[in-house]
Amino acid sequence: MKKLLTLLTLGALCGCTPQNAPSSLSLSPVGYDSLAGWEQEDFTSLMPLLRDECHRLAQLPPETALGGSEAIPYGRHAADWSNACAALATASDARTYLETWFQPYEAGTEAFYTGYFEPQIPASLTQGGAYQTPVYGRPRDLVRAKATNGQMVNGRWVNGQFAPYYDRAAIDGGALAGQGLEIAWLKSPVDLFFLQIQGSGRLILPDGGQVRVGYDGRNGQAYVPLGRVLVQDGELPADGVSMDSIRTWLEAHPDRMMSVMERNPNYVFFRRDDGNLAQGPKGAFGMPLTAGRSVAVDRSVVPFAMPLWVETKLPYGAGQPVTWDHLVFAQDIGTDIKGAGRADLFTGWGATAQSVAGNLHAHGRVVLFLPRPPADSAAQ
């Protein structure tokens, strides 16, 4: 599977991502004794995650590029992981395995973390009653083409000319009605807007059943952060932007909510995902995301599959943020995730996951775990 989940996060909602986040990567080797909380990590839970990553890597041709900056000397191609993954087959202790086969490198920049989650939204597979907001599948006339500058863009063909695809206002106005694209119906346009922000979600049906929908493309129009719009309009204070505050404002202004949401012309389409609901949705690396262990990264800087040591604070409940030091894996990408120190933590689904993701915007430290070349691991 290709890019299945394109997340926008709180940073995109409010436009509060650091504007000068460094995109270049400067690596410095560090010892495991420099990692705060390394001794307290839950290494037992890491073994199945490491095996799942190796299973995914084994499915790829050896020459497959995983992404990553040229400053990364090893680990940017699937073949670079073959020896480490072969060693995992006989490993019994994750800590010993990691310390033998991976070299930690300081990223050389302060990290900035946001969060994303899988929302649970009341829905119906048929239109009726309160369920009047359609969730659209990918339109048949939405195509990708190469622009004159060489970049790939989304649009449609109109009388032999390539044109931008319908924007949010046009789609809300019925531009796609009658094409049979509806895969579900929601109670509120606000629910749809936030489903599109997250990129996937669990639809809770009237009989209690669940259906997952996942990202299947977007119209190609620019993304405009709604929080920034509301701040510019004087409706929210700059330091008061969150998913909750934006939703509260929209629901309190039903006469204006559509026009405000339509100032973000970007529109996301979905497909039905019949995968295992006991797992998270699939990320761009083609693996189910794991709460507290999967992150979205800037793939031009950090390769897929790369373990990252995160030191930051998470906003649990109403108390002070809690120190959070753990190993995570680069398994997804996000529209708003740009730079060497940016990462978006997948927090899972449910009320707690939503609260943590909606309030996570914390600085911290990030350390990359590069697989050692065979000669280096043997020396260990």
Protein backbone atom coordinates (compact mmCIF):
# COMPACT_ATOMS: atom_id res chain seq x y z
CA MET A 1 0.00 0.00 0.00
CA LYS A 2 1.10 3.55 -0.67
CA LYS A 3 0.45 6.79 1.17
CA LEU A 4 -2.70 5.91 3.10
CA LEU A 5 -2.72 8.40 5.91
CA THR A 6 -1.86 12.05 5.51
CA LEU A 7 -2.30 13.76 8.84
CA LEU A 8 -2.54 17.46 9.49
CA THR A 9 -2.47 17.59 13.32
CA LEU A 10 -2.92 20.42 15.78
CA GLY A 11 0.00 22.26 14.20
CA ALA A 12 -1.90 22.46 10.92
CA LEU A 13 -5.16 23.33 12.63
CA CYS A 14 -3.72 26.40 14.26
CA GLY A 15 -0.76 27.18 12.01
CA CYS A 16 1.41 27.02 15.12
CA THR A 17 4.18 24.75 13.85
CA PRO A 18 7.55 26.51 14.29
CA GLN A 19 8.11 28.44 11.09
CA ASN A 20 11.88 28.07 11.12
CA ALA A 21 12.08 24.34 11.85
CA PRO A 22 15.45 23.18 10.44
CA SER A 23 15.06 20.80 7.49
CA SER A 24 18.72 19.74 7.41
CA LEU A 25 20.02 16.96 9.62
CA SER A 26 23.25 17.10 11.58
CA LEU A 27 24.09 13.79 13.27
CA SER A 28 26.35 13.23 16.27
CA PRO A 29 26.82 9.75 17.79
CA VAL A 30 25.82 9.43 21.44
CA GLY A 31 25.90 6.62 23.98
CA TYR A 32 22.89 4.77 25.37
CA ASP A 33 23.79 6.14 28.79
CA SER A 34 22.86 9.62 27.51
CA LEU A 35 19.23 8.60 26.90
CA ALA A 36 16.98 9.76 29.73
CA GLY A 37 14.70 6.91 30.78
CA TRP A 38 16.47 4.21 28.75
CA GLU A 39 16.81 1.98 31.81
CA GLN A 40 13.06 2.21 32.46
CA GLU A 41 11.87 1.47 28.91
CA ASP A 42 9.41 -1.41 28.45
CA PHE A 43 11.70 -3.57 26.34
CA THR A 44 9.37 -6.58 26.41
CA SER A 45 6.73 -4.69 24.42
CA LEU A 46 9.32 -3.69 21.81
CA MET A 47 10.07 -7.20 20.55
CA PRO A 48 6.81 -7.74 18.59
CA LEU A 49 7.06 -4.22 17.18
CA LEU A 50 10.60 -4.81 15.98
CA ARG A 51 9.56 -8.12 14.40
CA ASP A 52 6.61 -6.46 12.65
CA GLU A 53 8.96 -3.84 11.21
CA CYS A 54 11.35 -6.47 9.94
CA HIS A 55 8.46 -8.40 8.41
CA ARG A 56 7.40 -5.26 6.56
CA LEU A 57 10.95 -4.55 5.39
CA ALA A 58 11.29 -8.13 4.13
CA GLN A 59 8.31 -7.53 1.84
CA LEU A 60 10.18 -4.77 0.02
CA PRO A 61 12.76 -5.21 -2.76
CA PRO A 62 16.27 -4.68 -1.30
CA GLU A 63 16.82 -1.55 -3.37
CA THR A 64 13.68 0.14 -2.02
CA ALA A 65 14.44 3.68 -0.86
CA LEU A 66 12.96 4.36 2.58
CA GLY A 67 13.63 8.09 2.41
CA GLY A 68 15.86 10.10 4.69
CA SER A 69 18.53 12.76 4.44
CA GLU A 70 21.82 12.03 2.70
CA ALA A 71 23.43 12.84 6.06
CA ILE A 72 22.24 9.40 7.21
CA PRO A 73 25.05 6.99 6.31
CA TYR A 74 23.15 3.71 6.71
CA GLY A 75 19.50 2.70 6.88
CA ARG A 76 18.00 4.55 3.90
CA HIS A 77 17.37 1.40 1.84
CA ALA A 78 15.60 -1.83 2.72
CA ALA A 79 18.80 -3.84 2.16
CA ASP A 80 20.53 -1.88 4.95
CA TRP A 81 18.26 -3.60 7.48
CA SER A 82 18.78 -7.20 6.33
CA ASN A 83 21.53 -8.08 8.81
CA ALA A 84 19.84 -6.42 11.77
CA CYS A 85 16.58 -8.16 10.94
CA ALA A 86 18.33 -11.51 10.51
CA ALA A 87 19.84 -11.09 13.97
CA LEU A 88 16.41 -10.33 15.42
CA ALA A 89 15.25 -13.84 14.55
CA THR A 90 17.43 -15.29 17.33
CA ALA A 91 17.30 -12.34 19.74
CA SER A 92 15.53 -12.83 23.07
CA ASP A 93 16.13 -9.47 24.72
CA ALA A 94 15.20 -6.22 22.99
CA ARG A 95 17.62 -4.07 24.95
CA THR A 96 20.65 -6.22 24.12
CA TYR A 97 19.53 -6.46 20.53
CA LEU A 98 19.09 -2.71 20.11
CA GLU A 99 22.38 -1.84 21.80
CA THR A 100 24.18 -4.33 19.55
CA TRP A 101 22.61 -3.50 16.23
CA PHE A 102 21.77 0.22 16.45
CA GLN A 103 23.89 3.33 17.01
CA PRO A 104 22.07 6.34 18.51
CA TYR A 105 22.66 9.72 16.85
CA GLU A 106 21.65 13.09 18.22
CA ALA A 107 19.59 14.91 15.59
CA GLY A 108 21.29 18.25 16.23
CA THR A 109 18.08 20.24 16.63
CA GLU A 110 15.39 20.70 19.24
CA ALA A 111 12.38 18.53 18.56
CA PHE A 112 8.78 19.68 18.40
CA TYR A 113 6.00 17.14 18.94
CA THR A 114 2.31 17.17 18.11
CA GLY A 115 -0.18 14.31 18.19
CA TYR A 116 -2.87 12.69 16.09
CA PHE A 117 -5.51 10.08 16.82
CA GLU A 118 -8.21 7.98 15.19
CA PRO A 119 -11.57 9.65 15.88
CA GLN A 120 -14.76 7.70 16.63
CA ILE A 121 -17.73 9.31 14.91
CA PRO A 122 -21.45 8.42 14.87
CA ALA A 123 -22.41 7.45 11.32
CA SER A 124 -24.82 5.53 9.13
CA LEU A 125 -24.21 3.62 5.93
CA THR A 126 -27.48 5.04 4.56
CA GLN A 127 -28.81 8.58 4.42
CA GLY A 128 -31.70 9.41 6.71
CA GLY A 129 -32.79 11.25 9.83
CA ALA A 130 -29.87 13.06 11.44
CA TYR A 131 -27.36 11.49 9.03
CA GLN A 132 -27.20 14.00 6.17
CA THR A 133 -23.48 14.79 5.73
CA PRO A 134 -21.84 12.53 3.13
CA VAL A 135 -18.41 10.95 3.44
CA TYR A 136 -17.18 10.82 -0.15
CA GLY A 137 -14.99 8.22 -1.74
CA ARG A 138 -12.38 9.26 -4.28
CA PRO A 139 -14.05 10.76 -7.37
CA ARG A 140 -13.40 9.03 -10.67
CA ASP A 141 -12.38 12.26 -12.39
CA LEU A 142 -9.76 13.19 -9.77
CA VAL A 143 -6.38 12.60 -11.41
CA ARG A 144 -2.74 13.38 -10.81
CA ALA A 145 -0.64 15.03 -13.48
CA LYS A 146 2.79 16.56 -13.77
CA ALA A 147 2.82 20.35 -13.76
CA THR A 148 5.18 22.41 -15.90
CA ASN A 149 7.56 22.72 -12.93
CA GLY A 150 7.76 18.92 -12.68
CA GLN A 151 5.68 18.60 -9.51
CA MET A 152 2.72 16.23 -9.32
CA VAL A 153 -0.62 17.99 -8.82
CA ASN A 154 -4.23 16.90 -8.40
CA GLY A 155 -6.98 18.14 -10.69
CA ARG A 156 -9.41 17.16 -13.44
CA TRP A 157 -9.67 17.41 -17.21
CA VAL A 158 -12.18 19.96 -18.51
CA ASN A 159 -12.59 20.22 -22.29
CA GLY A 160 -9.07 18.94 -22.80
CA GLN A 161 -7.56 21.35 -20.27
CA PHE A 162 -6.20 20.34 -16.86
CA ALA A 163 -7.95 22.35 -14.15
CA PRO A 164 -7.86 22.50 -10.34
CA TYR A 165 -10.30 20.12 -8.69
CA TYR A 166 -13.46 21.36 -6.98
CA ASP A 167 -12.75 23.16 -3.72
CA ARG A 168 -14.52 22.57 -0.41
CA ALA A 169 -17.24 25.14 -1.07
CA ALA A 170 -18.10 23.59 -4.45
CA ILE A 171 -18.22 20.08 -2.99
CA ASP A 172 -20.33 21.26 -0.06
CA GLY A 173 -22.60 22.86 -2.65
CA GLY A 174 -23.24 19.53 -4.38
CA ALA A 175 -20.54 19.28 -7.07
CA LEU A 176 -20.17 15.53 -6.40
CA ALA A 177 -23.80 14.71 -5.61
CA GLY A 178 -25.46 11.97 -7.65
CA GLN A 179 -22.23 10.15 -8.54
CA GLY A 180 -22.67 7.33 -6.02
CA LEU A 181 -19.51 8.30 -4.13
CA GLU A 182 -21.11 8.32 -0.67
CA ILE A 183 -19.65 5.59 1.55
CA ALA A 184 -21.29 6.78 4.79
CA TRP A 185 -23.29 9.63 6.27
CA LEU A 186 -22.46 11.71 9.36
CA LYS A 187 -24.58 13.87 11.64
CA SER A 188 -22.53 17.02 11.24
CA PRO A 189 -20.29 18.82 8.74
CA VAL A 190 -18.02 19.55 11.72
CA ASP A 191 -17.59 15.80 12.29
CA LEU A 192 -16.58 15.45 8.64
CA PHE A 193 -14.13 18.35 8.87
CA PHE A 194 -12.32 16.78 11.82
CA LEU A 195 -12.39 13.33 10.22
CA GLN A 196 -10.60 14.92 7.26
CA ILE A 197 -8.08 16.55 9.58
CA GLN A 198 -7.15 13.19 11.10
CA GLY A 199 -7.18 11.30 7.79
CA SER A 200 -8.92 8.17 9.09
CA GLY A 201 -11.53 7.24 11.62
CA ARG A 202 -13.88 4.68 13.12
CA LEU A 203 -17.51 5.16 12.19
CA ILE A 204 -19.83 4.02 14.98
CA LEU A 205 -23.03 2.73 13.39
CA PRO A 206 -26.52 2.91 14.94
CA ASP A 207 -26.43 -0.82 15.79
CA GLY A 208 -23.09 -0.42 17.60
CA GLY A 209 -20.99 -1.84 14.78
CA GLN A 210 -17.85 -0.12 13.58
CA VAL A 211 -16.48 0.64 10.13
CA ARG A 212 -13.08 2.18 9.55
CA VAL A 213 -12.50 4.65 6.74
CA GLY A 214 -9.05 5.63 5.57
CA TYR A 215 -7.48 8.37 3.48
CA ASP A 216 -7.83 7.95 -0.28
CA GLY A 217 -6.66 11.24 -1.71
CA ARG A 218 -7.45 14.94 -1.62
CA ASN A 219 -8.55 17.58 -4.05
CA GLY A 220 -5.14 19.25 -4.24
CA GLN A 221 -6.35 22.63 -3.03
CA ALA A 222 -4.19 24.48 -0.47
CA TYR A 223 -4.65 23.67 3.20
CA VAL A 224 -5.61 26.74 5.27
CA PRO A 225 -5.38 26.24 9.08
CA LEU A 226 -8.79 26.94 10.56
CA GLY A 227 -7.30 28.03 13.88
CA ARG A 228 -5.31 30.71 12.08
CA VAL A 229 -8.49 31.93 10.36
CA LEU A 230 -10.31 32.23 13.68
CA VAL A 231 -7.39 34.05 15.30
CA GLN A 232 -7.15 36.48 12.38
CA ASP A 233 -10.89 37.12 12.66
CA GLY A 234 -10.56 37.84 16.38
CA GLU A 235 -12.74 34.86 17.29
CA LEU A 236 -10.06 32.94 19.25
CA PRO A 237 -6.94 34.09 21.11
CA ALA A 238 -3.66 32.95 19.60
CA ASP A 239 -2.81 30.96 22.73
CA GLY A 240 -6.27 29.38 22.92
CA VAL A 241 -6.32 27.32 19.72
CA SER A 242 -6.98 23.60 20.07
CA MET A 243 -9.17 21.00 18.43
CA ASP A 244 -11.67 21.45 21.25
CA SER A 245 -11.76 25.26 21.03
CA ILE A 246 -12.20 25.19 17.24
CA ARG A 247 -14.99 22.60 17.44
CA THR A 248 -16.70 24.53 20.24
CA TRP A 249 -16.62 27.74 18.17
CA LEU A 250 -17.99 26.03 15.06
CA GLU A 251 -20.83 24.35 16.92
CA ALA A 252 -21.71 27.63 18.68
CA HIS A 253 -22.00 29.45 15.34
CA PRO A 254 -24.13 27.24 13.07
CA ASP A 255 -24.96 30.19 10.82
CA ARG A 256 -21.25 30.80 10.08
CA MET A 257 -19.61 27.39 10.46
CA MET A 258 -19.88 26.37 6.80
CA SER A 259 -18.47 29.63 5.46
CA VAL A 260 -15.59 29.49 7.94
CA MET A 261 -14.74 25.85 7.18
CA GLU A 262 -14.91 26.63 3.46
CA ARG A 263 -12.09 29.14 3.86
CA ASN A 264 -9.99 25.97 3.95
CA PRO A 265 -10.52 24.77 0.35
CA ASN A 266 -8.67 21.48 0.95
CA TYR A 267 -10.91 18.39 0.87
CA VAL A 268 -10.03 14.78 1.76
CA PHE A 269 -11.63 11.65 0.28
CA PHE A 270 -11.90 8.25 1.93
CA ARG A 271 -12.16 4.54 1.26
CA ARG A 272 -13.61 1.82 3.43
CA ASP A 273 -10.91 -0.10 5.32
CA ASP A 274 -11.92 -3.58 6.45
CA GLY A 275 -8.68 -4.18 8.37
CA ASN A 276 -8.41 -5.45 11.94
CA LEU A 277 -10.17 -3.00 14.27
CA ALA A 278 -8.06 -4.25 17.17
CA GLN A 279 -5.15 -2.46 15.49
CA GLY A 280 -4.61 1.12 14.47
CA PRO A 281 -5.08 2.31 10.88
CA LYS A 282 -2.30 1.73 8.40
CA GLY A 283 0.26 4.48 8.07
CA ALA A 284 2.16 5.51 4.96
CA PHE A 285 4.77 2.78 5.58
CA GLY A 286 2.02 0.17 5.14
CA MET A 287 1.96 -0.98 8.78
CA PRO A 288 -0.85 -0.67 11.34
CA LEU A 289 -0.05 2.25 13.63
CA THR A 290 0.58 1.52 17.31
CA ALA A 291 -0.52 3.99 19.97
CA GLY A 292 2.49 5.55 21.67
CA ARG A 293 4.94 3.80 19.33
CA SER A 294 4.21 5.15 15.84
CA VAL A 295 5.13 8.63 14.65
CA ALA A 296 4.68 10.61 11.47
CA VAL A 297 7.92 12.19 10.25
CA ASP A 298 9.29 14.23 7.38
CA ARG A 299 10.35 11.40 5.10
CA SER A 300 12.81 13.62 3.27
CA VAL A 301 14.78 13.75 6.54
CA VAL A 302 13.95 10.56 8.48
CA PRO A 303 13.55 7.19 6.69
CA PHE A 304 10.61 4.88 7.23
CA ALA A 305 11.24 2.14 9.84
CA MET A 306 13.80 4.24 11.74
CA PRO A 307 13.56 3.86 15.54
CA LEU A 308 13.60 7.23 17.31
CA TRP A 309 14.20 7.93 20.97
CA VAL A 310 11.77 10.61 22.14
CA GLU A 311 12.18 12.74 25.26
CA THR A 312 9.28 15.14 25.82
CA LYS A 313 6.19 15.73 27.99
CA LEU A 314 2.64 14.54 27.32
CA PRO A 315 -0.52 16.37 28.47
CA TYR A 316 -2.45 13.72 30.37
CA GLY A 317 -5.65 14.93 32.03
CA ALA A 318 -5.91 18.34 33.64
CA GLY A 319 -2.64 18.15 35.55
CA GLN A 320 0.89 19.17 34.62
CA PRO A 321 2.42 17.52 31.51
CA VAL A 322 4.07 14.19 32.30
CA THR A 323 7.65 13.29 31.32
CA TRP A 324 7.54 10.83 28.42
CA ASP A 325 10.73 9.05 27.27
CA HIS A 326 10.20 6.16 24.83
CA LEU A 327 11.30 4.47 21.64
CA VAL A 328 9.01 5.07 18.66
CA PHE A 329 9.10 4.12 14.99
CA ALA A 330 8.86 6.27 11.84
CA GLN A 331 5.82 4.72 10.16
CA ASP A 332 3.80 7.61 8.79
CA ILE A 333 4.00 11.03 7.19
CA GLY A 334 1.99 14.21 7.64
CA THR A 335 1.26 17.28 5.56
CA ASP A 336 2.37 19.55 8.39
CA ILE A 337 5.38 17.49 9.47
CA LYS A 338 8.40 19.32 8.08
CA GLY A 339 11.96 19.39 9.32
CA ALA A 340 14.53 17.34 11.16
CA GLY A 341 12.99 17.74 14.60
CA ARG A 342 9.29 17.43 13.77
CA ALA A 343 7.29 14.35 14.68
CA ASP A 344 3.62 13.60 15.19
CA LEU A 345 2.80 10.93 17.79
CA PHE A 346 -0.09 8.55 17.11
CA THR A 347 -2.05 8.35 20.37
CA GLY A 348 -4.65 5.70 19.44
CA TRP A 349 -8.43 6.07 19.60
CA GLY A 350 -10.96 6.98 22.28
CA ALA A 351 -11.38 9.94 24.62
CA THR A 352 -7.91 9.84 26.19
CA ALA A 353 -6.21 9.56 22.80
CA GLN A 354 -8.21 12.52 21.54
CA SER A 355 -7.37 14.63 24.58
CA VAL A 356 -3.65 13.90 24.44
CA ALA A 357 -3.42 14.47 20.67
CA GLY A 358 -5.45 17.65 20.82
CA ASN A 359 -3.28 19.21 23.50
CA LEU A 360 0.16 17.91 22.56
CA HIS A 361 2.45 20.64 21.29
CA ALA A 362 5.69 20.15 23.20
CA HIS A 363 9.38 20.60 22.64
CA GLY A 364 11.89 17.92 23.48
CA ARG A 365 14.74 15.79 22.22
CA VAL A 366 14.95 13.27 19.40
CA VAL A 367 17.67 10.66 18.84
CA LEU A 368 17.82 8.51 15.71
CA PHE A 369 18.74 4.83 15.98
CA LEU A 370 20.64 3.91 12.81
CA PRO A 371 21.20 0.23 12.05
CA ARG A 372 24.88 -0.53 12.31
CA PRO A 373 26.72 -1.86 9.27
CA PRO A 374 27.61 -5.55 9.78
CA ALA A 375 31.26 -4.84 10.65
CA ASP A 376 30.22 -2.35 13.35
CA SER A 377 27.72 -4.70 14.97
CA ALA A 378 30.28 -7.51 15.01
CA ALA A 379 32.68 -5.21 16.84
CA GLN A 380 30.09 -4.75 19.58
